[in-house]
Amino acid sequence: MMCAKLLKNSAPKRILVVSQTNIGDVVLTCPVIDILRRDFPQAKIDVMIGPKAASLFEDNPDFGTKVFNKQAPLRQKIAWFLDLYQAHYDCVVDLRRTALAFFLSPRYATPLINNTIGAHKKDIHLNRLRQVYDFETPSQKQYAIQTTQEDEQFFEGSIAPALQGKNFIVIASGAADSAKRWLPQGFAAVADHLSTTQRIIFVGDAKDAEIIDDIQGRMKSPSLSLAGKINLRQLAFVLKKCSWALTHDSGVMHLACYFNVPVVVLWGPTDINKYAPWSKKSVIVRRNEKCTRCCDPESEVLHNCMSFITVEDVINAAKDF
């Protein structure tokens, strides 16, 4: 494996991008995929991801996916690796910093050493790409996550009739980590307030359905829940059509930011420097200063900083949207 840098005229035939596992983490690597697709349109690009994010890239004509399942039997893992080995990649952009490139022996590969610390995760991934390829300005075209005509037909047939021609706001009340979640009664009050001018659509996976049922049960206004009813690509289409989104620090937030959807984000104990929203128009609502143990890794007390966010905080943050 050589340490030479990839150039635009290098003409690589096959490129492997080693992405992440969780949905939000995968979305944060998409700008890297976009740049490679833009600058090397003739190359065959594969993206290695975990099963959770697989439907994001379903039927994408611009690259293939190599889904790695940590829970798979050893025999399947060996077969998966041999498939990669036999692909003879010219370049491996490893955003996980594994030893995979050492075994695949491409001509161009990102080094194991990461020279960027303390930056936003999206920028860390872009700087990682720069270690092997000196790209120009980040891509403005979205190759990595593409919605289809089928997604539009689904929206027009199953969702649009309930909107009755009105604009709508997406609310993503779920988060994988319970410490990141705001109170159901808070969401209900904010949703009722917003319902006076726009429709409300709740989104999330099947696990979020119970939370959303609780919120809707507290509301006085009608709303629509798509929790567990749509795939990630359909969710992307819904986000692209909404006026703005209200989320936690979650995969939905990063997906909205990828499409530059305006967002109001309710922020808890996560490192804001690494994972802050990256839409051009975003507002962060946080009250961490009231929780003295919120970001103390030695604390055995559950994080409760989300409970200090008030309905008024959220409504005020949403006034300019």
C-alpha atoms as a PDB file:
ATOM      1  CA  MET A   1       0.000   0.000   0.000  1.00  0.00           C
ATOM      2  CA  MET A   2       1.492   3.324  -1.057  1.00  0.00           C
ATOM      3  CA  CYS A   3       1.149   6.649   0.736  1.00  0.00           C
ATOM      4  CA  ALA A   4       0.704   8.677  -2.441  1.00  0.00           C
ATOM      5  CA  LYS A   5      -2.199  11.078  -2.593  1.00  0.00           C
ATOM      6  CA  LEU A   6      -5.095  10.619  -4.956  1.00  0.00           C
ATOM      7  CA  LEU A   7      -5.257  13.230  -7.737  1.00  0.00           C
ATOM      8  CA  LYS A   8      -8.127  14.138 -10.050  1.00  0.00           C
ATOM      9  CA  ASN A   9      -6.243  12.615 -12.958  1.00  0.00           C
ATOM     10  CA  SER A  10      -5.440   9.443 -11.008  1.00  0.00           C
ATOM     11  CA  ALA A  11      -8.535   7.822 -12.543  1.00  0.00           C
ATOM     12  CA  PRO A  12      -9.221   5.234  -9.812  1.00  0.00           C
ATOM     13  CA  LYS A  13     -11.466   2.430 -10.982  1.00  0.00           C
ATOM     14  CA  ARG A  14     -12.799   1.365  -7.580  1.00  0.00           C
ATOM     15  CA  ILE A  15     -13.107   3.311  -4.318  1.00  0.00           C
ATOM     16  CA  LEU A  16     -14.243   2.016  -0.938  1.00  0.00           C
ATOM     17  CA  VAL A  17     -15.577   4.427   1.683  1.00  0.00           C
ATOM     18  CA  VAL A  18     -15.686   2.891   5.165  1.00  0.00           C
ATOM     19  CA  SER A  19     -18.573   4.745   6.798  1.00  0.00           C
ATOM     20  CA  GLN A  20     -20.255   4.268  10.181  1.00  0.00           C
ATOM     21  CA  THR A  21     -23.064   2.228  11.745  1.00  0.00           C
ATOM     22  CA  ASN A  22     -25.683   4.484  13.353  1.00  0.00           C
ATOM     23  CA  ILE A  23     -27.898   6.563  11.093  1.00  0.00           C
ATOM     24  CA  GLY A  24     -26.738   9.998  12.237  1.00  0.00           C
ATOM     25  CA  ASP A  25     -23.082   8.975  12.094  1.00  0.00           C
ATOM     26  CA  VAL A  26     -23.535   7.662   8.548  1.00  0.00           C
ATOM     27  CA  VAL A  27     -25.204  10.900   7.420  1.00  0.00           C
ATOM     28  CA  LEU A  28     -22.221  12.856   8.750  1.00  0.00           C
ATOM     29  CA  THR A  29     -20.000  10.919   6.307  1.00  0.00           C
ATOM     30  CA  CYS A  30     -22.197  11.693   3.288  1.00  0.00           C
ATOM     31  CA  PRO A  31     -20.328  14.897   2.284  1.00  0.00           C
ATOM     32  CA  VAL A  32     -17.231  12.708   1.767  1.00  0.00           C
ATOM     33  CA  ILE A  33     -19.191  10.414  -0.548  1.00  0.00           C
ATOM     34  CA  ASP A  34     -20.561  13.427  -2.422  1.00  0.00           C
ATOM     35  CA  ILE A  35     -17.093  14.818  -3.133  1.00  0.00           C
ATOM     36  CA  LEU A  36     -15.744  11.488  -4.370  1.00  0.00           C
ATOM     37  CA  ARG A  37     -18.772  10.933  -6.601  1.00  0.00           C
ATOM     38  CA  ARG A  38     -18.479  14.466  -7.977  1.00  0.00           C
ATOM     39  CA  ASP A  39     -14.752  14.289  -8.725  1.00  0.00           C
ATOM     40  CA  PHE A  40     -14.498  10.656  -9.871  1.00  0.00           C
ATOM     41  CA  PRO A  41     -17.723  10.006 -11.815  1.00  0.00           C
ATOM     42  CA  GLN A  42     -16.207   7.083 -13.721  1.00  0.00           C
ATOM     43  CA  ALA A  43     -15.118   5.197 -10.621  1.00  0.00           C
ATOM     44  CA  LYS A  44     -17.189   2.458  -9.037  1.00  0.00           C
ATOM     45  CA  ILE A  45     -17.717   3.528  -5.430  1.00  0.00           C
ATOM     46  CA  ASP A  46     -18.800   1.219  -2.630  1.00  0.00           C
ATOM     47  CA  VAL A  47     -19.788   2.404   0.854  1.00  0.00           C
ATOM     48  CA  MET A  48     -19.410   0.169   3.883  1.00  0.00           C
ATOM     49  CA  ILE A  49     -22.178   0.735   6.447  1.00  0.00           C
ATOM     50  CA  GLY A  50     -24.096  -1.028   9.194  1.00  0.00           C
ATOM     51  CA  PRO A  51     -27.589  -2.529   8.704  1.00  0.00           C
ATOM     52  CA  LYS A  52     -29.406   0.340  10.463  1.00  0.00           C
ATOM     53  CA  ALA A  53     -28.598   2.833   7.702  1.00  0.00           C
ATOM     54  CA  ALA A  54     -28.871   0.506   4.694  1.00  0.00           C
ATOM     55  CA  SER A  55     -32.198   1.879   3.447  1.00  0.00           C
ATOM     56  CA  LEU A  56     -30.713   5.388   3.174  1.00  0.00           C
ATOM     57  CA  PHE A  57     -28.812   4.276   0.081  1.00  0.00           C
ATOM     58  CA  GLU A  58     -31.334   1.842  -1.340  1.00  0.00           C
ATOM     59  CA  ASP A  59     -31.559   1.858  -5.156  1.00  0.00           C
ATOM     60  CA  ASN A  60     -28.918   4.581  -5.402  1.00  0.00           C
ATOM     61  CA  PRO A  61     -27.511   4.568  -8.952  1.00  0.00           C
ATOM     62  CA  ASP A  62     -24.277   6.354  -8.016  1.00  0.00           C
ATOM     63  CA  PHE A  63     -22.637   3.771  -5.762  1.00  0.00           C
ATOM     64  CA  GLY A  64     -23.014   0.379  -4.135  1.00  0.00           C
ATOM     65  CA  THR A  65     -23.182  -0.628  -0.483  1.00  0.00           C
ATOM     66  CA  LYS A  66     -21.324  -3.220   1.517  1.00  0.00           C
ATOM     67  CA  VAL A  67     -23.409  -3.868   4.626  1.00  0.00           C
ATOM     68  CA  PHE A  68     -21.389  -5.199   7.543  1.00  0.00           C
ATOM     69  CA  ASN A  69     -23.348  -6.909  10.294  1.00  0.00           C
ATOM     70  CA  LYS A  70     -21.372  -7.301  13.527  1.00  0.00           C
ATOM     71  CA  GLN A  71     -23.825  -9.985  14.644  1.00  0.00           C
ATOM     72  CA  ALA A  72     -23.306 -12.168  11.568  1.00  0.00           C
ATOM     73  CA  PRO A  73     -21.725 -15.633  11.951  1.00  0.00           C
ATOM     74  CA  LEU A  74     -17.973 -15.849  11.416  1.00  0.00           C
ATOM     75  CA  ARG A  75     -18.420 -17.673   8.103  1.00  0.00           C
ATOM     76  CA  GLN A  76     -20.472 -14.776   6.718  1.00  0.00           C
ATOM     77  CA  LYS A  77     -17.915 -12.249   7.928  1.00  0.00           C
ATOM     78  CA  ILE A  78     -15.119 -14.119   6.170  1.00  0.00           C
ATOM     79  CA  ALA A  79     -17.147 -14.267   2.953  1.00  0.00           C
ATOM     80  CA  TRP A  80     -17.859 -10.541   3.291  1.00  0.00           C
ATOM     81  CA  PHE A  81     -14.155  -9.754   3.657  1.00  0.00           C
ATOM     82  CA  LEU A  82     -13.202 -11.950   0.699  1.00  0.00           C
ATOM     83  CA  ASP A  83     -15.752 -10.074  -1.401  1.00  0.00           C
ATOM     84  CA  LEU A  84     -13.993  -6.815  -0.499  1.00  0.00           C
ATOM     85  CA  TYR A  85     -10.559  -8.302  -1.150  1.00  0.00           C
ATOM     86  CA  GLN A  86     -11.534  -9.557  -4.587  1.00  0.00           C
ATOM     87  CA  ALA A  87     -12.860  -6.120  -5.568  1.00  0.00           C
ATOM     88  CA  HIS A  88      -9.260  -4.816  -5.843  1.00  0.00           C
ATOM     89  CA  TYR A  89      -9.952  -1.281  -4.659  1.00  0.00           C
ATOM     90  CA  ASP A  90      -7.581   1.433  -5.874  1.00  0.00           C
ATOM     91  CA  CYS A  91      -8.472   3.696  -2.954  1.00  0.00           C
ATOM     92  CA  VAL A  92      -9.855   3.133   0.559  1.00  0.00           C
ATOM     93  CA  VAL A  93     -11.183   6.115   2.503  1.00  0.00           C
ATOM     94  CA  ASP A  94     -11.577   4.714   5.997  1.00  0.00           C
ATOM     95  CA  LEU A  95     -13.639   7.028   8.202  1.00  0.00           C
ATOM     96  CA  ARG A  96     -13.598   4.528  11.065  1.00  0.00           C
ATOM     97  CA  ARG A  97      -9.786   4.237  11.244  1.00  0.00           C
ATOM     98  CA  THR A  98      -9.704   0.446  11.066  1.00  0.00           C
ATOM     99  CA  ALA A  99      -6.917  -1.762   9.714  1.00  0.00           C
ATOM    100  CA  LEU A 100      -9.036  -2.754   6.721  1.00  0.00           C
ATOM    101  CA  ALA A 101      -6.915  -0.855   4.189  1.00  0.00           C
ATOM    102  CA  PHE A 102      -3.807  -2.723   5.365  1.00  0.00           C
ATOM    103  CA  PHE A 103      -5.384  -6.035   4.349  1.00  0.00           C
ATOM    104  CA  LEU A 104      -6.949  -4.755   1.119  1.00  0.00           C
ATOM    105  CA  SER A 105      -3.659  -3.158  -0.019  1.00  0.00           C
ATOM    106  CA  PRO A 106      -5.018  -0.324  -2.192  1.00  0.00           C
ATOM    107  CA  ARG A 107      -2.670   2.125  -3.894  1.00  0.00           C
ATOM    108  CA  TYR A 108      -4.248   5.047  -2.036  1.00  0.00           C
ATOM    109  CA  ALA A 109      -5.579   4.936   1.527  1.00  0.00           C
ATOM    110  CA  THR A 110      -6.211   7.142   4.508  1.00  0.00           C
ATOM    111  CA  PRO A 111      -3.639   6.592   7.290  1.00  0.00           C
ATOM    112  CA  LEU A 112      -4.534   5.169  10.669  1.00  0.00           C
ATOM    113  CA  ILE A 113      -3.459   8.394  12.391  1.00  0.00           C
ATOM    114  CA  ASN A 114      -6.152  11.056  12.715  1.00  0.00           C
ATOM    115  CA  ASN A 115      -4.738  14.587  12.602  1.00  0.00           C
ATOM    116  CA  THR A 116      -7.995  16.340  13.557  1.00  0.00           C
ATOM    117  CA  ILE A 117      -9.326  16.555  17.097  1.00  0.00           C
ATOM    118  CA  GLY A 118     -11.936  18.742  18.729  1.00  0.00           C
ATOM    119  CA  ALA A 119     -13.715  19.565  15.473  1.00  0.00           C
ATOM    120  CA  HIS A 120     -17.239  18.845  14.247  1.00  0.00           C
ATOM    121  CA  LYS A 121     -17.618  15.226  13.145  1.00  0.00           C
ATOM    122  CA  LYS A 122     -18.551  16.226   9.599  1.00  0.00           C
ATOM    123  CA  ASP A 123     -15.358  18.273   9.337  1.00  0.00           C
ATOM    124  CA  ILE A 124     -13.302  15.482  10.894  1.00  0.00           C
ATOM    125  CA  HIS A 125     -14.501  13.185   8.102  1.00  0.00           C
ATOM    126  CA  LEU A 126     -13.735  15.800   5.441  1.00  0.00           C
ATOM    127  CA  ASN A 127     -10.268  16.332   6.885  1.00  0.00           C
ATOM    128  CA  ARG A 128      -9.803  12.587   6.889  1.00  0.00           C
ATOM    129  CA  LEU A 129     -10.561  12.544   3.164  1.00  0.00           C
ATOM    130  CA  ARG A 130      -8.066  15.370   2.686  1.00  0.00           C
ATOM    131  CA  GLN A 131      -5.340  13.100   4.071  1.00  0.00           C
ATOM    132  CA  VAL A 132      -5.581  11.092   0.875  1.00  0.00           C
ATOM    133  CA  TYR A 133      -7.167  13.569  -1.572  1.00  0.00           C
ATOM    134  CA  ASP A 134      -6.822  17.372  -1.727  1.00  0.00           C
ATOM    135  CA  PHE A 135     -10.359  18.170  -2.866  1.00  0.00           C
ATOM    136  CA  GLU A 136     -11.667  21.624  -3.612  1.00  0.00           C
ATOM    137  CA  THR A 137     -14.790  23.123  -2.006  1.00  0.00           C
ATOM    138  CA  PRO A 138     -17.245  20.575  -0.563  1.00  0.00           C
ATOM    139  CA  SER A 139     -19.857  19.297  -2.964  1.00  0.00           C
ATOM    140  CA  GLN A 140     -23.200  21.065  -3.180  1.00  0.00           C
ATOM    141  CA  LYS A 141     -24.930  18.193  -4.973  1.00  0.00           C
ATOM    142  CA  GLN A 142     -26.302  15.347  -2.885  1.00  0.00           C
ATOM    143  CA  TYR A 143     -25.325  12.021  -4.405  1.00  0.00           C
ATOM    144  CA  ALA A 144     -25.263   9.956  -1.245  1.00  0.00           C
ATOM    145  CA  ILE A 145     -28.946  10.175  -0.266  1.00  0.00           C
ATOM    146  CA  GLN A 146     -31.311  10.397  -3.200  1.00  0.00           C
ATOM    147  CA  THR A 147     -35.075  10.211  -3.113  1.00  0.00           C
ATOM    148  CA  THR A 148     -36.992   8.658  -5.991  1.00  0.00           C
ATOM    149  CA  GLN A 149     -40.198   9.072  -7.930  1.00  0.00           C
ATOM    150  CA  GLU A 150     -41.652   6.247  -5.845  1.00  0.00           C
ATOM    151  CA  ASP A 151     -40.974   8.271  -2.696  1.00  0.00           C
ATOM    152  CA  GLU A 152     -42.780  11.249  -4.201  1.00  0.00           C
ATOM    153  CA  GLN A 153     -45.725   9.078  -5.196  1.00  0.00           C
ATOM    154  CA  PHE A 154     -45.893   7.682  -1.681  1.00  0.00           C
ATOM    155  CA  PHE A 155     -45.891  11.191  -0.228  1.00  0.00           C
ATOM    156  CA  GLU A 156     -48.548  12.486  -2.599  1.00  0.00           C
ATOM    157  CA  GLY A 157     -50.768   9.447  -2.126  1.00  0.00           C
ATOM    158  CA  SER A 158     -50.429   8.746   1.597  1.00  0.00           C
ATOM    159  CA  ILE A 159     -49.355  11.985   3.302  1.00  0.00           C
ATOM    160  CA  ALA A 160     -50.331  15.009   1.214  1.00  0.00           C
ATOM    161  CA  PRO A 161     -54.119  14.427   1.498  1.00  0.00           C
ATOM    162  CA  ALA A 162     -53.913  14.754   5.295  1.00  0.00           C
ATOM    163  CA  LEU A 163     -52.123  18.097   4.950  1.00  0.00           C
ATOM    164  CA  GLN A 164     -55.006  19.677   3.020  1.00  0.00           C
ATOM    165  CA  GLY A 165     -52.654  21.949   1.127  1.00  0.00           C
ATOM    166  CA  LYS A 166     -51.011  23.425   4.234  1.00  0.00           C
ATOM    167  CA  ASN A 167     -47.307  23.598   5.018  1.00  0.00           C
ATOM    168  CA  PHE A 168     -46.089  21.245   7.704  1.00  0.00           C
ATOM    169  CA  ILE A 169     -43.498  20.944  10.456  1.00  0.00           C
ATOM    170  CA  VAL A 170     -41.698  17.702  11.235  1.00  0.00           C
ATOM    171  CA  ILE A 171     -41.274  16.805  14.905  1.00  0.00           C
ATOM    172  CA  ALA A 172     -38.862  14.021  15.816  1.00  0.00           C
ATOM    173  CA  SER A 173     -39.457  13.414  19.512  1.00  0.00           C
ATOM    174  CA  GLY A 174     -37.373  10.257  19.777  1.00  0.00           C
ATOM    175  CA  ALA A 175     -33.690   9.675  20.482  1.00  0.00           C
ATOM    176  CA  ALA A 176     -31.772   6.451  21.007  1.00  0.00           C
ATOM    177  CA  ASP A 177     -30.394   7.757  24.302  1.00  0.00           C
ATOM    178  CA  SER A 178     -33.149   8.619  26.780  1.00  0.00           C
ATOM    179  CA  ALA A 179     -30.914  11.343  28.284  1.00  0.00           C
ATOM    180  CA  LYS A 180     -31.377  13.295  25.033  1.00  0.00           C
ATOM    181  CA  ARG A 181     -35.200  13.270  25.117  1.00  0.00           C
ATOM    182  CA  TRP A 182     -37.414  16.168  26.097  1.00  0.00           C
ATOM    183  CA  LEU A 183     -40.678  15.730  28.041  1.00  0.00           C
ATOM    184  CA  PRO A 184     -43.815  14.466  26.189  1.00  0.00           C
ATOM    185  CA  GLN A 185     -45.964  17.183  27.761  1.00  0.00           C
ATOM    186  CA  GLY A 186     -43.549  19.784  26.421  1.00  0.00           C
ATOM    187  CA  PHE A 187     -43.804  18.441  22.875  1.00  0.00           C
ATOM    188  CA  ALA A 188     -47.599  18.340  23.157  1.00  0.00           C
ATOM    189  CA  ALA A 189     -47.808  21.993  24.216  1.00  0.00           C
ATOM    190  CA  VAL A 190     -45.419  23.165  21.497  1.00  0.00           C
ATOM    191  CA  ALA A 191     -47.174  21.087  18.836  1.00  0.00           C
ATOM    192  CA  ASP A 192     -50.560  22.542  19.828  1.00  0.00           C
ATOM    193  CA  HIS A 193     -49.095  26.053  19.582  1.00  0.00           C
ATOM    194  CA  LEU A 194     -47.574  25.403  16.146  1.00  0.00           C
ATOM    195  CA  SER A 195     -50.753  23.734  14.878  1.00  0.00           C
ATOM    196  CA  THR A 196     -52.493  27.105  14.660  1.00  0.00           C
ATOM    197  CA  THR A 197     -50.561  27.904  11.464  1.00  0.00           C
ATOM    198  CA  GLN A 198     -49.174  24.611  10.116  1.00  0.00           C
ATOM    199  CA  ARG A 199     -49.775  20.890  10.161  1.00  0.00           C
ATOM    200  CA  ILE A 200     -47.681  18.668  12.428  1.00  0.00           C
ATOM    201  CA  ILE A 201     -46.074  15.407  11.320  1.00  0.00           C
ATOM    202  CA  PHE A 202     -44.315  13.226  13.880  1.00  0.00           C
ATOM    203  CA  VAL A 203     -41.557  10.930  12.621  1.00  0.00           C
ATOM    204  CA  GLY A 204     -39.499   8.188  14.209  1.00  0.00           C
ATOM    205  CA  ASP A 205     -38.927   4.458  14.154  1.00  0.00           C
ATOM    206  CA  ALA A 206     -41.231   1.805  15.571  1.00  0.00           C
ATOM    207  CA  LYS A 207     -39.677   2.237  19.032  1.00  0.00           C
ATOM    208  CA  ASP A 208     -40.697   5.917  19.011  1.00  0.00           C
ATOM    209  CA  ALA A 209     -44.359   5.130  18.293  1.00  0.00           C
ATOM    210  CA  GLU A 210     -45.230   4.740  21.983  1.00  0.00           C
ATOM    211  CA  ILE A 211     -43.650   8.107  22.822  1.00  0.00           C
ATOM    212  CA  ILE A 212     -45.517   9.796  19.999  1.00  0.00           C
ATOM    213  CA  ASP A 213     -48.811   8.159  21.031  1.00  0.00           C
ATOM    214  CA  ASP A 214     -48.271   9.666  24.480  1.00  0.00           C
ATOM    215  CA  ILE A 215     -47.652  13.119  22.988  1.00  0.00           C
ATOM    216  CA  GLN A 216     -50.648  12.936  20.664  1.00  0.00           C
ATOM    217  CA  GLY A 217     -52.832  11.812  23.569  1.00  0.00           C
ATOM    218  CA  ARG A 218     -51.973  15.056  25.374  1.00  0.00           C
ATOM    219  CA  MET A 219     -52.627  17.277  22.336  1.00  0.00           C
ATOM    220  CA  LYS A 220     -55.796  19.199  21.566  1.00  0.00           C
ATOM    221  CA  SER A 221     -54.980  19.583  17.861  1.00  0.00           C
ATOM    222  CA  PRO A 222     -54.862  16.862  15.193  1.00  0.00           C
ATOM    223  CA  SER A 223     -51.497  15.584  13.998  1.00  0.00           C
ATOM    224  CA  LEU A 224     -50.078  12.794  11.856  1.00  0.00           C
ATOM    225  CA  SER A 225     -47.634  10.131  13.048  1.00  0.00           C
ATOM    226  CA  LEU A 226     -45.387   8.282  10.594  1.00  0.00           C
ATOM    227  CA  ALA A 227     -43.431   6.461  13.307  1.00  0.00           C
ATOM    228  CA  GLY A 228     -42.476   3.005  12.084  1.00  0.00           C
ATOM    229  CA  LYS A 229     -44.458   3.491   8.867  1.00  0.00           C
ATOM    230  CA  ILE A 230     -41.801   4.830   6.487  1.00  0.00           C
ATOM    231  CA  ASN A 231     -38.237   3.886   5.577  1.00  0.00           C
ATOM    232  CA  LEU A 232     -35.256   6.216   5.812  1.00  0.00           C
ATOM    233  CA  ARG A 233     -35.417   7.301   2.193  1.00  0.00           C
ATOM    234  CA  GLN A 234     -39.100   8.210   2.526  1.00  0.00           C
ATOM    235  CA  LEU A 235     -38.204  10.095   5.709  1.00  0.00           C
ATOM    236  CA  ALA A 236     -35.633  12.042   3.706  1.00  0.00           C
ATOM    237  CA  PHE A 237     -38.326  13.029   1.210  1.00  0.00           C
ATOM    238  CA  VAL A 238     -40.661  14.166   4.006  1.00  0.00           C
ATOM    239  CA  LEU A 239     -37.872  16.296   5.495  1.00  0.00           C
ATOM    240  CA  LYS A 240     -37.130  17.885   2.137  1.00  0.00           C
ATOM    241  CA  LYS A 241     -40.784  18.935   1.851  1.00  0.00           C
ATOM    242  CA  CYS A 242     -41.291  20.341   5.374  1.00  0.00           C
ATOM    243  CA  SER A 243     -41.034  23.990   6.439  1.00  0.00           C
ATOM    244  CA  TRP A 244     -38.649  23.138   9.267  1.00  0.00           C
ATOM    245  CA  ALA A 245     -37.982  20.398  11.802  1.00  0.00           C
ATOM    246  CA  LEU A 246     -37.994  20.198  15.601  1.00  0.00           C
ATOM    247  CA  THR A 247     -35.653  17.469  16.817  1.00  0.00           C
ATOM    248  CA  HIS A 248     -33.284  16.259  19.475  1.00  0.00           C
ATOM    249  CA  ASP A 249     -29.622  15.549  18.766  1.00  0.00           C
ATOM    250  CA  SER A 250     -30.477  12.522  16.623  1.00  0.00           C
ATOM    251  CA  GLY A 251     -30.195  10.869  13.243  1.00  0.00           C
ATOM    252  CA  VAL A 252     -33.231  12.830  12.058  1.00  0.00           C
ATOM    253  CA  MET A 253     -31.435  16.078  12.902  1.00  0.00           C
ATOM    254  CA  HIS A 254     -28.383  15.139  10.834  1.00  0.00           C
ATOM    255  CA  LEU A 255     -30.564  13.920   7.967  1.00  0.00           C
ATOM    256  CA  ALA A 256     -32.407  17.254   7.950  1.00  0.00           C
ATOM    257  CA  CYS A 257     -29.096  19.107   8.027  1.00  0.00           C
ATOM    258  CA  TYR A 258     -27.794  17.132   5.050  1.00  0.00           C
ATOM    259  CA  PHE A 259     -30.639  18.609   3.002  1.00  0.00           C
ATOM    260  CA  ASN A 260     -30.148  22.024   4.641  1.00  0.00           C
ATOM    261  CA  VAL A 261     -33.601  21.920   6.247  1.00  0.00           C
ATOM    262  CA  PRO A 262     -34.004  24.605   8.960  1.00  0.00           C
ATOM    263  CA  VAL A 263     -33.960  22.979  12.402  1.00  0.00           C
ATOM    264  CA  VAL A 264     -34.703  23.783  16.025  1.00  0.00           C
ATOM    265  CA  VAL A 265     -32.717  21.324  18.126  1.00  0.00           C
ATOM    266  CA  LEU A 266     -33.334  20.531  21.789  1.00  0.00           C
ATOM    267  CA  TRP A 267     -29.875  19.844  23.163  1.00  0.00           C
ATOM    268  CA  GLY A 268     -28.882  17.710  26.121  1.00  0.00           C
ATOM    269  CA  PRO A 269     -25.613  16.188  27.362  1.00  0.00           C
ATOM    270  CA  THR A 270     -23.936  15.461  23.990  1.00  0.00           C
ATOM    271  CA  ASP A 271     -20.738  17.278  22.952  1.00  0.00           C
ATOM    272  CA  ILE A 272     -22.121  20.228  21.010  1.00  0.00           C
ATOM    273  CA  ASN A 273     -18.784  20.967  19.335  1.00  0.00           C
ATOM    274  CA  LYS A 274     -18.760  17.570  17.632  1.00  0.00           C
ATOM    275  CA  TYR A 275     -22.420  17.053  16.773  1.00  0.00           C
ATOM    276  CA  ALA A 276     -24.107  20.467  16.467  1.00  0.00           C
ATOM    277  CA  PRO A 277     -26.639  20.951  13.634  1.00  0.00           C
ATOM    278  CA  TRP A 278     -25.064  22.031  10.350  1.00  0.00           C
ATOM    279  CA  SER A 279     -28.003  23.458   8.419  1.00  0.00           C
ATOM    280  CA  LYS A 280     -27.484  27.076   7.364  1.00  0.00           C
ATOM    281  CA  LYS A 281     -30.455  27.994   9.540  1.00  0.00           C
ATOM    282  CA  SER A 282     -30.511  26.270  12.906  1.00  0.00           C
ATOM    283  CA  VAL A 283     -31.324  27.167  16.501  1.00  0.00           C
ATOM    284  CA  ILE A 284     -30.125  25.199  19.517  1.00  0.00           C
ATOM    285  CA  VAL A 285     -32.196  25.198  22.702  1.00  0.00           C
ATOM    286  CA  ARG A 286     -30.259  24.068  25.754  1.00  0.00           C
ATOM    287  CA  ARG A 287     -30.226  24.595  29.507  1.00  0.00           C
ATOM    288  CA  ASN A 288     -27.154  22.587  30.499  1.00  0.00           C
ATOM    289  CA  GLU A 289     -25.976  25.315  32.843  1.00  0.00           C
ATOM    290  CA  LYS A 290     -28.804  24.380  35.244  1.00  0.00           C
ATOM    291  CA  CYS A 291     -27.610  20.794  35.524  1.00  0.00           C
ATOM    292  CA  THR A 292     -24.391  20.806  37.524  1.00  0.00           C
ATOM    293  CA  ARG A 293     -23.629  17.151  36.767  1.00  0.00           C
ATOM    294  CA  CYS A 294     -24.820  17.117  33.177  1.00  0.00           C
ATOM    295  CA  CYS A 295     -21.478  16.631  31.494  1.00  0.00           C
ATOM    296  CA  ASP A 296     -19.577  15.074  34.394  1.00  0.00           C
ATOM    297  CA  PRO A 297     -18.453  11.607  33.227  1.00  0.00           C
ATOM    298  CA  GLU A 298     -17.859  10.554  36.844  1.00  0.00           C
ATOM    299  CA  SER A 299     -21.445  11.282  37.859  1.00  0.00           C
ATOM    300  CA  GLU A 300     -23.702   8.318  38.610  1.00  0.00           C
ATOM    301  CA  VAL A 301     -26.783  10.552  38.500  1.00  0.00           C
ATOM    302  CA  LEU A 302     -28.905  10.395  35.371  1.00  0.00           C
ATOM    303  CA  HIS A 303     -28.660  13.436  33.106  1.00  0.00           C
ATOM    304  CA  ASN A 304     -31.668  15.694  33.606  1.00  0.00           C
ATOM    305  CA  CYS A 305     -30.678  18.811  31.679  1.00  0.00           C
ATOM    306  CA  MET A 306     -33.470  18.238  29.129  1.00  0.00           C
ATOM    307  CA  SER A 307     -36.095  18.729  31.846  1.00  0.00           C
ATOM    308  CA  PHE A 308     -34.970  22.344  32.334  1.00  0.00           C
ATOM    309  CA  ILE A 309     -35.976  23.304  28.759  1.00  0.00           C
ATOM    310  CA  THR A 310     -39.341  25.079  28.870  1.00  0.00           C
ATOM    311  CA  VAL A 311     -42.172  25.296  26.382  1.00  0.00           C
ATOM    312  CA  GLU A 312     -41.506  29.033  26.150  1.00  0.00           C
ATOM    313  CA  ASP A 313     -37.846  28.350  25.272  1.00  0.00           C
ATOM    314  CA  VAL A 314     -38.911  26.250  22.295  1.00  0.00           C
ATOM    315  CA  ILE A 315     -41.685  28.557  21.101  1.00  0.00           C
ATOM    316  CA  ASN A 316     -39.325  31.549  21.250  1.00  0.00           C
ATOM    317  CA  ALA A 317     -36.683  29.646  19.290  1.00  0.00           C
ATOM    318  CA  ALA A 318     -39.230  28.846  16.592  1.00  0.00           C
ATOM    319  CA  LYS A 319     -40.447  32.433  16.094  1.00  0.00           C
ATOM    320  CA  ASP A 320     -38.145  33.120  13.145  1.00  0.00           C
ATOM    321  CA  PHE A 321     -39.070  29.949  11.260  1.00  0.00           C
END
